Amino acid sequence: MSTPTLIEIRQLSKVFHMGSQTIRAVDNLDLDIPAGSFTVIMGPSGSGKSTLLYLLGGLDQPTSGSLKVDGRLLEKMDENQLALYRRDKVGFIFQSFNLIASMEALENVAFPMRFAGIPAHTRHARSTTLMQQVGLGKRLHHRPTELSGGQQQRVAVARALVNDPALILADEPTGNLDSSSGLGILKLLARLQQEGRTIVVVTHDPRTLHFASQAVYLLDGHAVREADYQAAINLSELEQDEEYPE
């Protein structure tokens, strides 16, 4: 029995105009993401991977093409429908954590539930449970500045889970973390996938591939073969070494 497809991307493009310059951040992309998968989208800076993530999350609209999530076309949704989609279906994890500095960790986790009309006592109970699940049961009342980078990212993961989304989108979740903390976040995401959620991570961190059930390689908005991707990365590193010799 085949795994159902949660995300279907067909001929998807996102074009930006900067003065006289046209940038095709995503260029006629075709991609299927199975439900319950851990999909890693690898790409260097400027490859279009973050743009693709924002399109998947309904934070941006494509220039052309089709983006279907759980049978619904995102490009056909209006702003209100997209807001409900983001609230009910998607959990976001950002590289910079995006925590509110004036709020305690527990309040940061509970905050998205305010927009869903969830009562205060339910928000508190659910947030406490999630903080315990990410290993921060003793850090409920610490503010972000009182937490390490790894702990802040765990708070961000808990916040992404408060509305019980089927889809978790992570933008460079290990980018601002040390090696040990980054590995801990990847293991946490893998556990969420094992529990049945669909995980999509955009990154240039090759360690993420060890947890992937599917890997996609992006260059200049195109999906390419792994060998072509690696050759381009090796050439870029060689050019950098020649430009900045030690």
C-alpha atoms as a PDB file:
ATOM      1  CA  MET A   1       0.000   0.000   0.000  1.00  0.00           C
ATOM      2  CA  SER A   2       1.525   3.298  -1.124  1.00  0.00           C
ATOM      3  CA  THR A   3       1.882   6.288   1.190  1.00  0.00           C
ATOM      4  CA  PRO A   4      -0.571   9.085   0.345  1.00  0.00           C
ATOM      5  CA  THR A   5       0.825  12.370  -0.925  1.00  0.00           C
ATOM      6  CA  LEU A   6       0.256  15.347   1.371  1.00  0.00           C
ATOM      7  CA  ILE A   7       1.853  18.021  -0.850  1.00  0.00           C
ATOM      8  CA  GLU A   8       1.728  18.175  -4.655  1.00  0.00           C
ATOM      9  CA  ILE A   9       3.791  20.844  -6.395  1.00  0.00           C
ATOM     10  CA  ARG A  10       3.441  21.303 -10.149  1.00  0.00           C
ATOM     11  CA  GLN A  11       5.351  23.797 -12.330  1.00  0.00           C
ATOM     12  CA  LEU A  12       5.660  26.106  -9.321  1.00  0.00           C
ATOM     13  CA  SER A  13       7.450  29.420  -9.863  1.00  0.00           C
ATOM     14  CA  LYS A  14       8.109  32.483  -7.759  1.00  0.00           C
ATOM     15  CA  VAL A  15       9.616  35.463  -9.571  1.00  0.00           C
ATOM     16  CA  PHE A  16      10.923  38.641  -7.942  1.00  0.00           C
ATOM     17  CA  HIS A  17      11.721  41.877  -9.778  1.00  0.00           C
ATOM     18  CA  MET A  18      14.502  44.059  -8.390  1.00  0.00           C
ATOM     19  CA  GLY A  19      14.816  47.077 -10.633  1.00  0.00           C
ATOM     20  CA  SER A  20      15.715  45.751 -14.074  1.00  0.00           C
ATOM     21  CA  GLN A  21      16.749  42.363 -12.647  1.00  0.00           C
ATOM     22  CA  THR A  22      14.415  39.331 -12.635  1.00  0.00           C
ATOM     23  CA  ILE A  23      15.079  36.654 -10.020  1.00  0.00           C
ATOM     24  CA  ARG A  24      13.429  33.253 -10.422  1.00  0.00           C
ATOM     25  CA  ALA A  25      13.678  32.086  -6.803  1.00  0.00           C
ATOM     26  CA  VAL A  26      11.606  28.980  -7.562  1.00  0.00           C
ATOM     27  CA  ASP A  27      11.583  27.938 -11.203  1.00  0.00           C
ATOM     28  CA  ASN A  28       9.006  25.483 -12.620  1.00  0.00           C
ATOM     29  CA  LEU A  29       9.405  23.071  -9.718  1.00  0.00           C
ATOM     30  CA  ASP A  30       7.672  19.681  -9.572  1.00  0.00           C
ATOM     31  CA  LEU A  31       7.720  17.860  -6.243  1.00  0.00           C
ATOM     32  CA  ASP A  32       5.630  15.401  -4.217  1.00  0.00           C
ATOM     33  CA  ILE A  33       5.931  15.181  -0.430  1.00  0.00           C
ATOM     34  CA  PRO A  34       4.406  12.051   1.130  1.00  0.00           C
ATOM     35  CA  ALA A  35       2.291  12.281   4.255  1.00  0.00           C
ATOM     36  CA  GLY A  36       4.283  11.310   7.339  1.00  0.00           C
ATOM     37  CA  SER A  37       7.645  11.860   5.652  1.00  0.00           C
ATOM     38  CA  PHE A  38      10.747  13.701   6.846  1.00  0.00           C
ATOM     39  CA  THR A  39      11.637  15.678   3.723  1.00  0.00           C
ATOM     40  CA  VAL A  40      14.903  17.587   3.691  1.00  0.00           C
ATOM     41  CA  ILE A  41      15.350  20.306   1.075  1.00  0.00           C
ATOM     42  CA  MET A  42      19.060  20.995   0.715  1.00  0.00           C
ATOM     43  CA  GLY A  43      20.385  24.137  -0.875  1.00  0.00           C
ATOM     44  CA  PRO A  44      22.978  26.875  -0.463  1.00  0.00           C
ATOM     45  CA  SER A  45      22.060  30.490   0.203  1.00  0.00           C
ATOM     46  CA  GLY A  46      20.075  31.843  -2.748  1.00  0.00           C
ATOM     47  CA  SER A  47      18.900  28.446  -3.951  1.00  0.00           C
ATOM     48  CA  GLY A  48      15.214  29.232  -3.342  1.00  0.00           C
ATOM     49  CA  LYS A  49      14.697  26.848  -0.446  1.00  0.00           C
ATOM     50  CA  SER A  50      13.360  29.422   2.030  1.00  0.00           C
ATOM     51  CA  THR A  51      11.097  30.912  -0.651  1.00  0.00           C
ATOM     52  CA  LEU A  52       9.700  27.432  -1.255  1.00  0.00           C
ATOM     53  CA  LEU A  53       9.059  27.000   2.471  1.00  0.00           C
ATOM     54  CA  TYR A  54       7.166  30.297   2.652  1.00  0.00           C
ATOM     55  CA  LEU A  55       5.044  29.206  -0.309  1.00  0.00           C
ATOM     56  CA  LEU A  56       4.278  25.902   1.425  1.00  0.00           C
ATOM     57  CA  GLY A  57       3.290  27.767   4.557  1.00  0.00           C
ATOM     58  CA  GLY A  58       0.981  30.178   2.797  1.00  0.00           C
ATOM     59  CA  LEU A  59       3.169  33.122   3.774  1.00  0.00           C
ATOM     60  CA  ASP A  60       3.697  34.024   0.119  1.00  0.00           C
ATOM     61  CA  GLN A  61       1.853  33.426  -3.146  1.00  0.00           C
ATOM     62  CA  PRO A  62       3.393  31.787  -6.225  1.00  0.00           C
ATOM     63  CA  THR A  63       3.807  33.674  -9.476  1.00  0.00           C
ATOM     64  CA  SER A  64       2.561  30.634 -11.394  1.00  0.00           C
ATOM     65  CA  GLY A  65       2.005  26.924 -11.019  1.00  0.00           C
ATOM     66  CA  SER A  66       0.089  24.761  -8.585  1.00  0.00           C
ATOM     67  CA  LEU A  67       0.631  24.064  -4.884  1.00  0.00           C
ATOM     68  CA  LYS A  68      -1.790  21.579  -3.344  1.00  0.00           C
ATOM     69  CA  VAL A  69      -1.692  20.649   0.349  1.00  0.00           C
ATOM     70  CA  ASP A  70      -3.994  17.914   1.629  1.00  0.00           C
ATOM     71  CA  GLY A  71      -6.124  18.267  -1.499  1.00  0.00           C
ATOM     72  CA  ARG A  72      -6.487  22.070  -1.328  1.00  0.00           C
ATOM     73  CA  LEU A  73      -4.920  24.522  -3.768  1.00  0.00           C
ATOM     74  CA  LEU A  74      -3.150  27.241  -1.797  1.00  0.00           C
ATOM     75  CA  GLU A  75      -3.042  29.663  -4.742  1.00  0.00           C
ATOM     76  CA  LYS A  76      -6.868  29.626  -4.801  1.00  0.00           C
ATOM     77  CA  MET A  77      -7.194  30.664  -1.148  1.00  0.00           C
ATOM     78  CA  ASP A  78      -7.926  34.234  -0.067  1.00  0.00           C
ATOM     79  CA  GLU A  79      -6.160  35.871   2.890  1.00  0.00           C
ATOM     80  CA  ASN A  80      -8.699  34.644   5.440  1.00  0.00           C
ATOM     81  CA  GLN A  81      -8.490  31.069   4.172  1.00  0.00           C
ATOM     82  CA  LEU A  82      -4.699  31.205   4.220  1.00  0.00           C
ATOM     83  CA  ALA A  83      -4.753  32.495   7.800  1.00  0.00           C
ATOM     84  CA  LEU A  84      -6.925  29.545   8.850  1.00  0.00           C
ATOM     85  CA  TYR A  85      -4.655  27.167   6.942  1.00  0.00           C
ATOM     86  CA  ARG A  86      -1.595  28.491   8.775  1.00  0.00           C
ATOM     87  CA  ARG A  87      -3.365  28.357  12.120  1.00  0.00           C
ATOM     88  CA  ASP A  88      -4.831  24.869  11.825  1.00  0.00           C
ATOM     89  CA  LYS A  89      -2.569  22.904   9.477  1.00  0.00           C
ATOM     90  CA  VAL A  90       0.981  24.267   9.778  1.00  0.00           C
ATOM     91  CA  GLY A  91       3.570  24.637  12.511  1.00  0.00           C
ATOM     92  CA  PHE A  92       6.522  26.938  11.755  1.00  0.00           C
ATOM     93  CA  ILE A  93      10.010  26.652  13.234  1.00  0.00           C
ATOM     94  CA  PHE A  94      12.334  29.522  12.335  1.00  0.00           C
ATOM     95  CA  GLN A  95      16.126  29.731  12.455  1.00  0.00           C
ATOM     96  CA  SER A  96      15.979  32.881  14.589  1.00  0.00           C
ATOM     97  CA  PHE A  97      13.427  31.320  16.992  1.00  0.00           C
ATOM     98  CA  ASN A  98      11.091  34.372  16.750  1.00  0.00           C
ATOM     99  CA  LEU A  99      10.230  34.247  20.451  1.00  0.00           C
ATOM    100  CA  ILE A 100       8.699  37.277  22.174  1.00  0.00           C
ATOM    101  CA  ALA A 101      11.369  38.571  24.556  1.00  0.00           C
ATOM    102  CA  SER A 102       8.915  40.041  27.085  1.00  0.00           C
ATOM    103  CA  MET A 103       7.056  36.724  27.511  1.00  0.00           C
ATOM    104  CA  GLU A 104       8.030  33.697  29.544  1.00  0.00           C
ATOM    105  CA  ALA A 105       8.645  30.448  27.658  1.00  0.00           C
ATOM    106  CA  LEU A 106       5.232  29.075  28.615  1.00  0.00           C
ATOM    107  CA  GLU A 107       3.521  32.258  27.388  1.00  0.00           C
ATOM    108  CA  ASN A 108       5.410  32.066  24.080  1.00  0.00           C
ATOM    109  CA  VAL A 109       4.174  28.523  23.538  1.00  0.00           C
ATOM    110  CA  ALA A 110       0.586  29.412  24.437  1.00  0.00           C
ATOM    111  CA  PHE A 111       0.429  32.586  22.362  1.00  0.00           C
ATOM    112  CA  PRO A 112      -0.791  31.105  19.023  1.00  0.00           C
ATOM    113  CA  MET A 113      -3.758  29.504  20.762  1.00  0.00           C
ATOM    114  CA  ARG A 114      -5.217  32.909  21.534  1.00  0.00           C
ATOM    115  CA  PHE A 115      -6.098  33.294  17.858  1.00  0.00           C
ATOM    116  CA  ALA A 116      -7.925  29.966  17.889  1.00  0.00           C
ATOM    117  CA  GLY A 117     -10.217  31.103  20.717  1.00  0.00           C
ATOM    118  CA  ILE A 118      -8.935  28.444  23.122  1.00  0.00           C
ATOM    119  CA  PRO A 119      -9.752  29.147  26.817  1.00  0.00           C
ATOM    120  CA  ALA A 120      -6.919  30.266  29.095  1.00  0.00           C
ATOM    121  CA  HIS A 121      -6.926  27.162  31.299  1.00  0.00           C
ATOM    122  CA  THR A 122      -6.682  24.914  28.228  1.00  0.00           C
ATOM    123  CA  ARG A 123      -3.864  27.039  26.785  1.00  0.00           C
ATOM    124  CA  HIS A 124      -1.939  26.728  30.043  1.00  0.00           C
ATOM    125  CA  ALA A 125      -2.418  22.975  30.345  1.00  0.00           C
ATOM    126  CA  ARG A 126      -1.521  22.223  26.729  1.00  0.00           C
ATOM    127  CA  SER A 127       1.533  24.505  26.761  1.00  0.00           C
ATOM    128  CA  THR A 128       2.804  22.945  29.984  1.00  0.00           C
ATOM    129  CA  THR A 129       2.463  19.462  28.509  1.00  0.00           C
ATOM    130  CA  LEU A 130       4.324  20.461  25.344  1.00  0.00           C
ATOM    131  CA  MET A 131       7.128  22.118  27.306  1.00  0.00           C
ATOM    132  CA  GLN A 132       7.537  18.894  29.254  1.00  0.00           C
ATOM    133  CA  GLN A 133       7.580  16.883  26.035  1.00  0.00           C
ATOM    134  CA  VAL A 134      10.475  18.936  24.647  1.00  0.00           C
ATOM    135  CA  GLY A 135      12.402  18.566  27.902  1.00  0.00           C
ATOM    136  CA  LEU A 136      11.800  22.032  29.331  1.00  0.00           C
ATOM    137  CA  GLY A 137       9.394  21.305  32.175  1.00  0.00           C
ATOM    138  CA  LYS A 138      11.690  23.166  34.573  1.00  0.00           C
ATOM    139  CA  ARG A 139      12.025  26.234  32.321  1.00  0.00           C
ATOM    140  CA  LEU A 140       8.355  27.258  32.054  1.00  0.00           C
ATOM    141  CA  HIS A 141       8.836  30.720  33.532  1.00  0.00           C
ATOM    142  CA  HIS A 142      12.190  31.620  32.005  1.00  0.00           C
ATOM    143  CA  ARG A 143      12.289  34.385  29.425  1.00  0.00           C
ATOM    144  CA  PRO A 144      14.118  33.779  26.110  1.00  0.00           C
ATOM    145  CA  THR A 145      17.210  35.696  27.273  1.00  0.00           C
ATOM    146  CA  GLU A 146      17.504  33.261  30.200  1.00  0.00           C
ATOM    147  CA  LEU A 147      17.605  30.231  27.887  1.00  0.00           C
ATOM    148  CA  SER A 148      20.363  28.777  25.728  1.00  0.00           C
ATOM    149  CA  GLY A 149      20.000  28.711  21.946  1.00  0.00           C
ATOM    150  CA  GLY A 150      19.047  25.045  22.001  1.00  0.00           C
ATOM    151  CA  GLN A 151      16.451  25.652  24.696  1.00  0.00           C
ATOM    152  CA  GLN A 152      14.966  28.586  22.764  1.00  0.00           C
ATOM    153  CA  GLN A 153      14.648  26.391  19.681  1.00  0.00           C
ATOM    154  CA  ARG A 154      12.874  23.741  21.775  1.00  0.00           C
ATOM    155  CA  VAL A 155      10.424  26.413  22.925  1.00  0.00           C
ATOM    156  CA  ALA A 156       9.894  27.269  19.248  1.00  0.00           C
ATOM    157  CA  VAL A 157       9.209  23.589  18.486  1.00  0.00           C
ATOM    158  CA  ALA A 158       6.670  23.396  21.317  1.00  0.00           C
ATOM    159  CA  ARG A 159       4.994  26.565  20.032  1.00  0.00           C
ATOM    160  CA  ALA A 160       4.787  25.049  16.543  1.00  0.00           C
ATOM    161  CA  LEU A 161       2.847  22.107  17.990  1.00  0.00           C
ATOM    162  CA  VAL A 162       0.208  23.920  20.048  1.00  0.00           C
ATOM    163  CA  ASN A 163      -2.544  23.727  17.424  1.00  0.00           C
ATOM    164  CA  ASP A 164      -1.701  20.087  16.628  1.00  0.00           C
ATOM    165  CA  PRO A 165      -0.656  20.683  12.981  1.00  0.00           C
ATOM    166  CA  ALA A 166      -0.174  17.830  10.541  1.00  0.00           C
ATOM    167  CA  LEU A 167       2.648  19.702   8.768  1.00  0.00           C
ATOM    168  CA  ILE A 168       5.810  21.079  10.416  1.00  0.00           C
ATOM    169  CA  LEU A 169       7.920  23.510   8.354  1.00  0.00           C
ATOM    170  CA  ALA A 170      11.414  24.258   9.659  1.00  0.00           C
ATOM    171  CA  ASP A 171      13.681  26.923   8.178  1.00  0.00           C
ATOM    172  CA  GLU A 172      17.351  26.197   9.019  1.00  0.00           C
ATOM    173  CA  PRO A 173      16.410  24.948  12.518  1.00  0.00           C
ATOM    174  CA  THR A 174      20.049  24.163  13.389  1.00  0.00           C
ATOM    175  CA  GLY A 175      21.525  27.305  11.832  1.00  0.00           C
ATOM    176  CA  ASN A 176      22.011  29.275  15.056  1.00  0.00           C
ATOM    177  CA  LEU A 177      22.875  26.317  17.295  1.00  0.00           C
ATOM    178  CA  ASP A 178      26.053  24.572  18.361  1.00  0.00           C
ATOM    179  CA  SER A 179      26.647  21.028  17.138  1.00  0.00           C
ATOM    180  CA  SER A 180      25.167  19.257  20.167  1.00  0.00           C
ATOM    181  CA  SER A 181      22.059  21.452  20.391  1.00  0.00           C
ATOM    182  CA  GLY A 182      21.468  21.172  16.653  1.00  0.00           C
ATOM    183  CA  LEU A 183      21.601  17.383  16.808  1.00  0.00           C
ATOM    184  CA  GLY A 184      19.108  17.437  19.676  1.00  0.00           C
ATOM    185  CA  ILE A 185      16.644  19.458  17.585  1.00  0.00           C
ATOM    186  CA  LEU A 186      17.002  17.062  14.647  1.00  0.00           C
ATOM    187  CA  LYS A 187      16.293  14.093  16.925  1.00  0.00           C
ATOM    188  CA  LEU A 188      13.239  15.897  18.266  1.00  0.00           C
ATOM    189  CA  LEU A 189      11.943  16.519  14.730  1.00  0.00           C
ATOM    190  CA  ALA A 190      12.562  12.856  13.873  1.00  0.00           C
ATOM    191  CA  ARG A 191      10.480  11.841  16.881  1.00  0.00           C
ATOM    192  CA  LEU A 192       7.639  14.058  15.702  1.00  0.00           C
ATOM    193  CA  GLN A 193       7.778  12.363  12.306  1.00  0.00           C
ATOM    194  CA  GLN A 194       7.611   8.946  13.970  1.00  0.00           C
ATOM    195  CA  GLU A 195       4.476  10.143  15.738  1.00  0.00           C
ATOM    196  CA  GLY A 196       2.850  10.726  12.344  1.00  0.00           C
ATOM    197  CA  ARG A 197       3.556  14.337  11.433  1.00  0.00           C
ATOM    198  CA  THR A 198       4.955  15.443   8.087  1.00  0.00           C
ATOM    199  CA  ILE A 199       8.259  17.298   8.504  1.00  0.00           C
ATOM    200  CA  VAL A 200       9.787  19.578   5.867  1.00  0.00           C
ATOM    201  CA  VAL A 201      13.191  21.059   6.703  1.00  0.00           C
ATOM    202  CA  VAL A 202      15.080  23.480   4.472  1.00  0.00           C
ATOM    203  CA  THR A 203      18.757  23.591   5.317  1.00  0.00           C
ATOM    204  CA  HIS A 204      22.349  23.431   4.148  1.00  0.00           C
ATOM    205  CA  ASP A 205      23.312  21.266   7.157  1.00  0.00           C
ATOM    206  CA  PRO A 206      24.258  17.814   5.792  1.00  0.00           C
ATOM    207  CA  ARG A 207      23.629  16.144   9.184  1.00  0.00           C
ATOM    208  CA  THR A 208      19.916  16.572   8.536  1.00  0.00           C
ATOM    209  CA  LEU A 209      20.130  13.998   5.739  1.00  0.00           C
ATOM    210  CA  HIS A 210      20.673  11.225   8.304  1.00  0.00           C
ATOM    211  CA  PHE A 211      17.078  11.716   9.469  1.00  0.00           C
ATOM    212  CA  ALA A 212      15.491  12.163   6.040  1.00  0.00           C
ATOM    213  CA  SER A 213      13.056   9.796   4.396  1.00  0.00           C
ATOM    214  CA  GLN A 214      13.299  11.997   1.285  1.00  0.00           C
ATOM    215  CA  ALA A 215      15.982  14.447   0.154  1.00  0.00           C
ATOM    216  CA  VAL A 216      15.508  17.202  -2.430  1.00  0.00           C
ATOM    217  CA  TYR A 217      18.450  19.222  -3.775  1.00  0.00           C
ATOM    218  CA  LEU A 218      17.839  22.779  -4.978  1.00  0.00           C
ATOM    219  CA  LEU A 219      20.049  24.999  -7.097  1.00  0.00           C
ATOM    220  CA  ASP A 220      18.802  28.306  -8.511  1.00  0.00           C
ATOM    221  CA  GLY A 221      15.191  27.321  -7.884  1.00  0.00           C
ATOM    222  CA  HIS A 222      15.505  23.952  -9.659  1.00  0.00           C
ATOM    223  CA  ALA A 223      15.478  20.443  -8.233  1.00  0.00           C
ATOM    224  CA  VAL A 224      18.677  18.694  -9.334  1.00  0.00           C
ATOM    225  CA  ARG A 225      20.331  15.305  -8.893  1.00  0.00           C
ATOM    226  CA  GLU A 226      22.451  14.804  -5.785  1.00  0.00           C
ATOM    227  CA  ALA A 227      25.602  14.367  -7.884  1.00  0.00           C
ATOM    228  CA  ASP A 228      25.005  17.653  -9.735  1.00  0.00           C
ATOM    229  CA  TYR A 229      24.271  19.414  -6.456  1.00  0.00           C
ATOM    230  CA  GLN A 230      27.455  18.138  -4.825  1.00  0.00           C
ATOM    231  CA  ALA A 231      29.547  19.068  -7.856  1.00  0.00           C
ATOM    232  CA  ALA A 232      28.167  22.629  -7.766  1.00  0.00           C
ATOM    233  CA  ILE A 233      28.831  22.926  -4.016  1.00  0.00           C
ATOM    234  CA  ASN A 234      32.399  21.626  -4.402  1.00  0.00           C
ATOM    235  CA  LEU A 235      33.042  24.098  -7.242  1.00  0.00           C
ATOM    236  CA  SER A 236      31.668  26.983  -5.170  1.00  0.00           C
ATOM    237  CA  GLU A 237      33.916  26.072  -2.232  1.00  0.00           C
ATOM    238  CA  LEU A 238      36.922  25.838  -4.554  1.00  0.00           C
ATOM    239  CA  GLU A 239      36.197  29.281  -6.010  1.00  0.00           C
ATOM    240  CA  GLN A 240      35.905  30.722  -2.501  1.00  0.00           C
ATOM    241  CA  ASP A 241      39.271  29.207  -1.517  1.00  0.00           C
ATOM    242  CA  GLU A 242      40.890  30.763  -4.592  1.00  0.00           C
ATOM    243  CA  GLU A 243      39.314  34.138  -3.863  1.00  0.00           C
ATOM    244  CA  TYR A 244      40.256  34.142  -0.182  1.00  0.00           C
ATOM    245  CA  PRO A 245      43.496  32.138   0.157  1.00  0.00           C
ATOM    246  CA  GLU A 246      44.839  31.597   3.648  1.00  0.00           C
END
